[in-house]
Amino acid sequence: MSRNKRLHHIDAVKALAILCMVQVHTASLVSPVGVSITHPLALLSAAIGGMAAPLFVTLSGWGVHRAVKKRLSTRDLGRWLISRITLLVAMQLLVNLLLPQSFRWFTPGVLTLLALCTLLTPLSAKFFDKRASLLIFSLLVALSSLLPLDFGVSWSWGELVYSSGGTEWLARLFLNGTYPLLPWWSFFLAGGLLQDDNEGSDLRISGCTALSVLAVTGGFALISGSQWALTSGDAVLTFFPSNLWFVLTAATWSHFIWYSACHMRQRAERLFAILAPAGALSLSIYVIHFSILRLIVEYRPESLSIEVSFVMTLIHTAIWIPLAFFHQKYIPNFSLESISHILVSFGQGDDERANAEQE
C-alpha cells in the first residue's frame, strides 16, 4: 500500500501524542531531584505530560471504533480483534522488561488499557452507535472517577505498578493502576465520537468547551488557593488518580486538537507532512523509546541541572521526527505497525488494506 494514501493531518495529531509521551517519560527520568513544581520548565513539562496519554488513548479510540464498525457484521472482526489485542499485550510486556526501573514485568499499563478497550469496542460500537448515545455513555464512564475506590493519593509509584496476586492485578487493570479502565475508557470512547470534520462546527463546539472547562478549573484553583494540576496530591486536576476534572479537561482538549488539525489540513499541510511519519509509527516509537530511556537511566550523570535535563528531553523527543521520516522513506515495512497490518489484513483486497493502515 502506498504511504501517500494516509491522511497527513491525522498522522500529525498521532505524532503530537506520541512525541508528548516521549517528552513526559524522558523528563520524569532525567529531571533533577528537588526542582520546584512552580519552575517554568517544570510547569511546561507537566502541561505537556498531562495531555500526552489522554490524546494517545483518544486517538486509538478513533481508529479502533472506525475499524470495528467496518467489520462489525463480518467474519474478519474476530481475527482483527485477536491480532490487535495480542500485539498490544505483548508490547506491554516488552515495555515492562525494557524499563524494569519503573515497571514490574506484569504491570498493566497504557497498552494493556488499549487492549482491554479494544476488546470492549464491539459492544460500544453496537449498542451506542449514535454520537449522542456514545457521548452520554462516555460521560457516565468518566463519572466513575468519583467512586470511592481504594486508590490513596499517598500511594508511591511502586504501589501503583505492583500487585501481589490475581485479584490485585485485576484491580490495577480495572480500577487503581497507572491507567485503569475506569475512568480511562472514557477517553477511548470519546475517540469514537471524533469525525474527520472540515466544516468548522465541531471545531467551534470543541474549542468553546475546552476553553470553558479550562477557565472553570483555573477559577476553582484561584478561588480555593489550591494547585491547579499535580501528577498526584491535592489539586483541582490530578493524574494519579485521574479525577473528574482532569478527565473532562483532557478529553475536551483532545477533541479541540483533533478538530483544529482537521480545520488546518490544507493550510498546514507542509507541517503535517513533516510530522506525519512519526504518527504513522506511534506504536513503534512508544515501544522503542523505552530502550533509549533504559540507556539514559543507566549512563546519565548522577546530578543534572534542570536546564541540562530539559535539553536532553528536547533532543530525545525531537530526534524521532527525522528518524521516522527516514524510516518511512527507506524501510517503511519494517515496524510494529507493519506487523499489525500484516496480521489484520491477510486475505483482504488493496482498498481494505489501505483503510486498515490509517487505523
Protein backbone atom coordinates (compact mmCIF):
# COMPACT_ATOMS: atom_id res chain seq x y z
CA MET A 1 0.00 0.00 0.00
CA SER A 2 1.34 3.39 -0.93
CA ARG A 3 2.02 5.55 2.11
CA ASN A 4 0.78 8.72 0.39
CA LYS A 5 -2.79 7.48 0.83
CA ARG A 6 -2.54 8.18 4.54
CA LEU A 7 -4.11 11.38 5.83
CA HIS A 8 -1.30 13.66 6.96
CA HIS A 9 -3.34 15.74 9.40
CA ILE A 10 -4.46 12.61 11.29
CA ASP A 11 -0.95 11.19 11.43
CA ALA A 12 0.31 14.62 12.56
CA VAL A 13 -2.02 14.54 15.58
CA LYS A 14 -0.84 11.00 16.33
CA ALA A 15 2.73 12.30 16.10
CA LEU A 16 1.92 15.05 18.60
CA ALA A 17 0.52 12.46 21.00
CA ILE A 18 3.49 10.09 20.82
CA LEU A 19 6.08 12.89 20.98
CA CYS A 20 4.38 14.21 24.10
CA MET A 21 4.57 10.70 25.56
CA VAL A 22 8.30 10.57 24.82
CA GLN A 23 8.73 14.01 26.39
CA VAL A 24 6.97 13.25 29.65
CA HIS A 25 8.64 9.87 30.10
CA THR A 26 12.09 11.34 29.44
CA ALA A 27 11.51 14.34 31.68
CA SER A 28 10.37 12.16 34.57
CA LEU A 29 13.59 10.11 34.42
CA VAL A 30 16.16 12.87 33.92
CA SER A 31 14.66 15.70 35.97
CA PRO A 32 16.84 16.67 38.94
CA VAL A 33 15.59 15.95 42.43
CA GLY A 34 14.09 18.81 44.38
CA VAL A 35 13.05 21.04 41.48
CA SER A 36 10.11 23.25 42.42
CA ILE A 37 6.86 22.44 40.64
CA THR A 38 6.49 26.20 40.02
CA HIS A 39 9.67 26.35 37.92
CA PRO A 40 8.69 27.41 34.35
CA LEU A 41 10.29 24.35 32.78
CA ALA A 42 8.61 22.07 35.31
CA LEU A 43 5.23 23.68 34.57
CA LEU A 44 5.79 23.30 30.81
CA SER A 45 6.72 19.64 31.22
CA ALA A 46 3.68 18.98 33.42
CA ALA A 47 1.32 20.63 30.93
CA ILE A 48 2.66 18.54 28.04
CA GLY A 49 2.67 15.38 30.11
CA GLY A 50 -0.91 15.83 31.24
CA MET A 51 -2.16 15.75 27.65
CA ALA A 52 0.11 13.01 26.30
CA ALA A 53 -1.67 9.84 27.44
CA PRO A 54 -5.25 11.18 27.08
CA LEU A 55 -4.58 12.24 23.48
CA PHE A 56 -2.83 8.92 22.77
CA VAL A 57 -5.78 6.90 24.11
CA THR A 58 -8.38 9.13 22.43
CA LEU A 59 -6.76 8.75 19.02
CA SER A 60 -6.57 5.00 19.49
CA GLY A 61 -10.28 5.05 20.29
CA TRP A 62 -10.95 6.83 16.99
CA GLY A 63 -9.04 4.27 14.97
CA VAL A 64 -10.41 1.19 16.73
CA HIS A 65 -14.05 2.35 16.62
CA ARG A 66 -13.64 3.13 12.93
CA ALA A 67 -12.14 -0.28 12.23
CA VAL A 68 -14.66 -2.24 14.31
CA LYS A 69 -17.67 -0.52 12.75
CA LYS A 70 -16.44 -1.60 9.31
CA ARG A 71 -16.08 -5.20 10.46
CA LEU A 72 -18.95 -5.44 12.93
CA SER A 73 -21.04 -7.78 10.81
CA THR A 74 -18.17 -9.60 9.10
CA ARG A 75 -16.12 -12.70 9.87
CA ASP A 76 -12.96 -10.58 9.93
CA LEU A 77 -13.84 -8.93 13.25
CA GLY A 78 -12.65 -11.77 15.49
CA ARG A 79 -9.33 -12.13 13.70
CA TRP A 80 -8.80 -8.36 13.75
CA LEU A 81 -9.51 -8.15 17.49
CA ILE A 82 -7.31 -11.11 18.40
CA SER A 83 -4.40 -9.84 16.30
CA ARG A 84 -4.52 -6.31 17.71
CA ILE A 85 -5.06 -7.32 21.33
CA THR A 86 -2.29 -9.93 21.23
CA LEU A 87 0.18 -7.42 19.79
CA LEU A 88 -0.71 -4.77 22.39
CA VAL A 89 -0.37 -7.15 25.34
CA ALA A 90 2.93 -8.48 24.01
CA MET A 91 4.28 -4.96 23.58
CA GLN A 92 3.21 -4.04 27.12
CA LEU A 93 5.25 -6.95 28.45
CA LEU A 94 8.21 -5.85 26.33
CA VAL A 95 7.95 -2.26 27.62
CA ASN A 96 7.92 -3.53 31.19
CA LEU A 97 11.04 -5.58 30.56
CA LEU A 98 12.82 -2.68 28.82
CA LEU A 99 12.46 -0.42 31.85
CA PRO A 100 12.47 -2.57 34.99
CA GLN A 101 13.48 0.54 36.98
CA SER A 102 9.91 1.79 36.60
CA PHE A 103 7.73 -1.28 35.97
CA ARG A 104 7.23 -4.85 37.08
CA TRP A 105 7.16 -7.29 34.18
CA PHE A 106 3.46 -7.97 34.80
CA THR A 107 2.38 -4.34 35.35
CA PRO A 108 -0.77 -3.28 33.47
CA GLY A 109 -0.11 -0.10 31.51
CA VAL A 110 -1.43 2.06 28.74
CA LEU A 111 -1.05 -0.70 26.10
CA THR A 112 -2.92 -3.16 28.31
CA LEU A 113 -5.60 -0.50 28.68
CA LEU A 114 -5.83 -0.15 24.89
CA ALA A 115 -6.08 -3.93 24.54
CA LEU A 116 -8.97 -4.10 27.02
CA CYS A 117 -10.73 -1.13 25.41
CA THR A 118 -10.32 -2.78 22.01
CA LEU A 119 -11.92 -5.96 23.35
CA LEU A 120 -14.93 -3.91 24.54
CA THR A 121 -15.30 -1.83 21.38
CA PRO A 122 -17.74 -4.20 19.58
CA LEU A 123 -20.14 -3.59 22.49
CA SER A 124 -19.85 0.19 22.42
CA ALA A 125 -19.99 0.25 18.60
CA LYS A 126 -23.14 -1.89 18.54
CA PHE A 127 -25.13 -0.52 21.47
CA PHE A 128 -24.00 3.12 21.26
CA ASP A 129 -23.83 3.57 17.51
CA LYS A 130 -25.19 7.14 17.61
CA ARG A 131 -22.91 10.01 18.65
CA ALA A 132 -25.36 11.23 21.30
CA SER A 133 -25.64 7.84 23.00
CA LEU A 134 -21.87 7.29 22.87
CA LEU A 135 -21.31 10.74 24.36
CA ILE A 136 -23.67 10.02 27.25
CA PHE A 137 -22.04 6.65 27.89
CA SER A 138 -18.53 8.14 27.84
CA LEU A 139 -19.64 10.77 30.37
CA LEU A 140 -21.05 8.04 32.62
CA VAL A 141 -17.72 6.21 32.46
CA ALA A 142 -15.95 9.49 33.29
CA LEU A 143 -18.15 9.81 36.38
CA SER A 144 -16.61 6.59 37.67
CA SER A 145 -13.69 8.79 38.76
CA LEU A 146 -15.97 9.94 41.61
CA LEU A 147 -16.28 6.44 43.05
CA PRO A 148 -14.58 5.95 46.44
CA LEU A 149 -12.07 3.44 45.10
CA ASP A 150 -9.12 2.04 47.02
CA PHE A 151 -6.67 4.48 45.48
CA GLY A 152 -4.85 6.58 48.05
CA VAL A 153 -3.33 9.89 46.96
CA SER A 154 -0.28 8.95 49.03
CA TRP A 155 0.45 5.81 47.03
CA SER A 156 4.02 5.58 45.82
CA TRP A 157 4.85 4.66 42.22
CA GLY A 158 5.90 1.22 43.42
CA GLU A 159 2.43 0.60 44.84
CA LEU A 160 0.80 1.69 41.58
CA VAL A 161 2.73 -0.81 39.48
CA TYR A 162 2.83 -3.75 41.89
CA SER A 163 0.26 -6.46 42.54
CA SER A 164 0.67 -9.41 44.88
CA GLY A 165 -1.79 -11.70 43.11
CA GLY A 166 -4.50 -12.07 40.52
CA THR A 167 -7.06 -10.05 42.45
CA GLU A 168 -4.73 -7.07 42.88
CA TRP A 169 -3.60 -7.31 39.25
CA LEU A 170 -7.21 -7.07 38.09
CA ALA A 171 -7.72 -4.15 40.46
CA ARG A 172 -4.76 -2.36 38.84
CA LEU A 173 -6.15 -3.12 35.39
CA PHE A 174 -9.71 -2.03 36.08
CA LEU A 175 -9.66 0.40 39.00
CA ASN A 176 -6.47 1.68 40.55
CA GLY A 177 -3.39 1.13 38.40
CA THR A 178 -1.49 3.68 36.36
CA TYR A 179 -4.05 3.51 33.52
CA PRO A 180 -7.14 1.70 34.86
CA LEU A 181 -10.13 1.02 32.65
CA LEU A 182 -12.19 3.29 34.89
CA PRO A 183 -12.12 6.16 34.11
CA TRP A 184 -9.62 5.91 31.19
CA TRP A 185 -12.12 4.06 29.00
CA SER A 186 -13.93 7.39 28.71
CA PHE A 187 -11.04 8.79 26.63
CA PHE A 188 -11.19 5.78 24.31
CA LEU A 189 -14.96 6.18 23.96
CA ALA A 190 -14.52 9.90 23.33
CA GLY A 191 -12.26 8.94 20.44
CA GLY A 192 -15.21 7.14 18.89
CA LEU A 193 -17.01 10.49 18.75
CA LEU A 194 -14.36 12.09 16.54
CA GLN A 195 -15.19 12.86 12.93
CA ASP A 196 -12.94 13.90 10.08
CA ASP A 197 -14.63 17.30 10.02
CA ASN A 198 -13.63 20.24 7.84
CA GLU A 199 -16.68 22.48 8.11
CA GLY A 200 -15.81 24.16 11.40
CA SER A 201 -18.88 23.39 13.50
CA ASP A 202 -17.16 20.71 15.59
CA LEU A 203 -14.11 22.95 15.90
CA ARG A 204 -16.16 25.78 17.38
CA ILE A 205 -18.03 23.49 19.77
CA SER A 206 -14.89 21.67 20.93
CA GLY A 207 -12.94 24.92 21.24
CA CYS A 208 -15.59 26.63 23.36
CA THR A 209 -15.98 23.56 25.55
CA ALA A 210 -12.23 23.11 26.07
CA LEU A 211 -11.69 26.77 26.95
CA SER A 212 -14.71 26.80 29.25
CA VAL A 213 -13.52 23.75 31.19
CA LEU A 214 -10.05 25.25 31.43
CA ALA A 215 -11.48 28.53 32.76
CA VAL A 216 -13.67 26.75 35.31
CA THR A 217 -10.83 24.61 36.67
CA GLY A 218 -8.49 27.58 36.75
CA GLY A 219 -11.15 29.58 38.59
CA PHE A 220 -11.58 26.80 41.16
CA ALA A 221 -7.85 26.74 41.79
CA LEU A 222 -7.66 30.51 42.13
CA ILE A 223 -10.63 30.81 44.48
CA SER A 224 -9.65 27.88 46.68
CA GLY A 225 -5.96 28.77 46.69
CA SER A 226 -5.04 25.21 45.70
CA GLN A 227 -2.77 23.88 42.97
CA TRP A 228 -4.38 23.75 39.54
CA ALA A 229 -2.73 20.49 38.42
CA LEU A 230 -0.47 17.88 40.01
CA THR A 231 0.57 14.39 38.99
CA SER A 232 -0.84 13.29 42.34
CA GLY A 233 -1.83 15.06 45.51
CA ASP A 234 -4.18 17.87 46.44
CA ALA A 235 -5.06 19.76 43.25
CA VAL A 236 -8.03 20.55 41.04
CA LEU A 237 -6.62 18.22 38.34
CA THR A 238 -4.77 15.04 39.28
CA PHE A 239 -3.36 12.32 37.03
CA PHE A 240 -2.87 9.56 39.65
CA PRO A 241 -5.71 9.02 40.29
CA SER A 242 -7.39 10.65 37.29
CA ASN A 243 -10.11 12.79 38.83
CA LEU A 244 -13.22 14.02 37.02
CA TRP A 245 -11.90 17.49 36.24
CA PHE A 246 -8.77 16.03 34.71
CA VAL A 247 -10.79 13.67 32.54
CA LEU A 248 -13.10 16.43 31.33
CA THR A 249 -10.25 18.86 30.68
CA ALA A 250 -8.04 16.37 28.85
CA ALA A 251 -10.91 14.92 26.80
CA THR A 252 -12.20 18.30 25.63
CA TRP A 253 -8.73 19.48 24.71
CA SER A 254 -8.05 16.24 22.83
CA HIS A 255 -11.14 16.93 20.75
CA PHE A 256 -10.10 20.54 20.21
CA ILE A 257 -6.64 19.48 19.00
CA TRP A 258 -8.19 16.93 16.62
CA TYR A 259 -10.65 19.38 15.04
CA SER A 260 -8.01 22.11 14.86
CA ALA A 261 -5.86 19.76 12.79
CA CYS A 262 -8.84 18.85 10.59
CA HIS A 263 -9.60 22.54 10.04
CA MET A 264 -5.95 23.31 9.19
CA ARG A 265 -5.35 20.27 7.00
CA GLN A 266 -4.70 22.36 3.88
CA ARG A 267 -3.03 25.45 5.34
CA ALA A 268 -0.64 23.41 7.46
CA GLU A 269 -0.10 20.58 5.00
CA ARG A 270 3.69 21.04 4.88
CA LEU A 271 4.00 20.96 8.67
CA PHE A 272 1.69 17.96 8.89
CA ALA A 273 3.72 16.16 6.23
CA ILE A 274 6.85 16.61 8.35
CA LEU A 275 5.16 15.24 11.48
CA ALA A 276 3.10 12.51 9.79
CA PRO A 277 5.82 9.81 9.61
CA ALA A 278 6.18 9.85 13.40
CA GLY A 279 2.41 9.45 13.72
CA ALA A 280 2.43 6.50 11.36
CA LEU A 281 4.98 4.85 13.68
CA SER A 282 3.38 5.78 17.00
CA LEU A 283 3.34 2.24 18.42
CA SER A 284 6.91 1.53 17.30
CA ILE A 285 8.17 4.80 18.78
CA TYR A 286 6.30 4.14 22.01
CA VAL A 287 7.99 0.78 22.48
CA ILE A 288 11.47 1.64 21.19
CA HIS A 289 11.85 4.88 23.15
CA PHE A 290 11.79 2.86 26.36
CA SER A 291 15.01 1.12 25.31
CA ILE A 292 16.59 4.56 24.88
CA LEU A 293 15.31 5.58 28.29
CA ARG A 294 16.90 2.50 29.83
CA LEU A 295 20.27 3.58 28.46
CA ILE A 296 19.71 7.12 29.70
CA VAL A 297 18.87 5.90 33.19
CA GLU A 298 21.94 3.64 33.34
CA TYR A 299 24.52 6.09 31.96
CA ARG A 300 23.33 9.60 32.83
CA PRO A 301 25.36 11.65 35.33
CA GLU A 302 24.38 11.49 38.98
CA SER A 303 23.46 15.17 39.09
CA LEU A 304 21.85 17.24 36.34
CA SER A 305 20.63 20.80 36.29
CA ILE A 306 17.08 21.39 35.14
CA GLU A 307 18.41 23.20 32.07
CA VAL A 308 20.55 20.22 31.05
CA SER A 309 17.71 17.77 31.68
CA PHE A 310 15.44 19.99 29.57
CA VAL A 311 17.90 19.89 26.65
CA MET A 312 18.25 16.10 26.97
CA THR A 313 14.47 15.75 26.96
CA LEU A 314 14.11 18.07 23.96
CA ILE A 315 16.72 16.17 21.93
CA HIS A 316 15.26 12.75 22.73
CA THR A 317 11.79 13.99 21.77
CA ALA A 318 12.73 15.83 18.57
CA ILE A 319 15.04 13.15 17.18
CA TRP A 320 12.08 10.88 16.41
CA ILE A 321 10.81 13.28 13.74
CA PRO A 322 13.78 12.84 11.32
CA LEU A 323 14.20 9.18 12.29
CA ALA A 324 10.57 8.49 11.39
CA PHE A 325 10.96 10.40 8.12
CA PHE A 326 13.96 8.33 7.01
CA HIS A 327 12.31 5.14 8.21
CA GLN A 328 9.20 5.76 6.13
CA LYS A 329 11.33 6.68 3.12
CA TYR A 330 13.73 3.73 3.17
CA ILE A 331 12.34 0.88 5.31
CA PRO A 332 8.59 1.57 5.71
CA ASN A 333 7.66 -2.09 6.04
CA PHE A 334 9.96 -2.76 8.99
CA SER A 335 7.90 -1.75 12.05
CA LEU A 336 5.38 -2.95 14.60
CA GLU A 337 2.68 -1.22 12.55
CA SER A 338 3.61 -3.32 9.53
CA ILE A 339 3.37 -6.48 11.61
CA SER A 340 -0.06 -5.38 12.80
CA HIS A 341 -1.20 -4.62 9.26
CA ILE A 342 0.00 -8.00 8.01
CA LEU A 343 -1.84 -9.80 10.79
CA VAL A 344 -5.15 -7.97 10.40
CA SER A 345 -5.24 -7.54 6.62
CA PHE A 346 -4.22 -11.03 5.47
CA GLY A 347 -6.55 -12.00 2.65
CA GLN A 348 -8.03 -8.51 2.22
CA GLY A 349 -8.13 -6.56 -1.00
CA ASP A 350 -5.99 -3.49 -1.71
CA ASP A 351 -8.70 -0.97 -0.72
CA GLU A 352 -9.39 -2.72 2.59
CA ARG A 353 -5.67 -2.93 3.30
CA ALA A 354 -5.27 0.80 2.61
CA ASN A 355 -8.03 1.65 5.06
CA ALA A 356 -6.52 -0.66 7.69
CA GLU A 357 -3.20 1.19 7.57
CA GLN A 358 -4.77 4.52 8.53
CA GLU A 359 -6.45 2.86 11.52
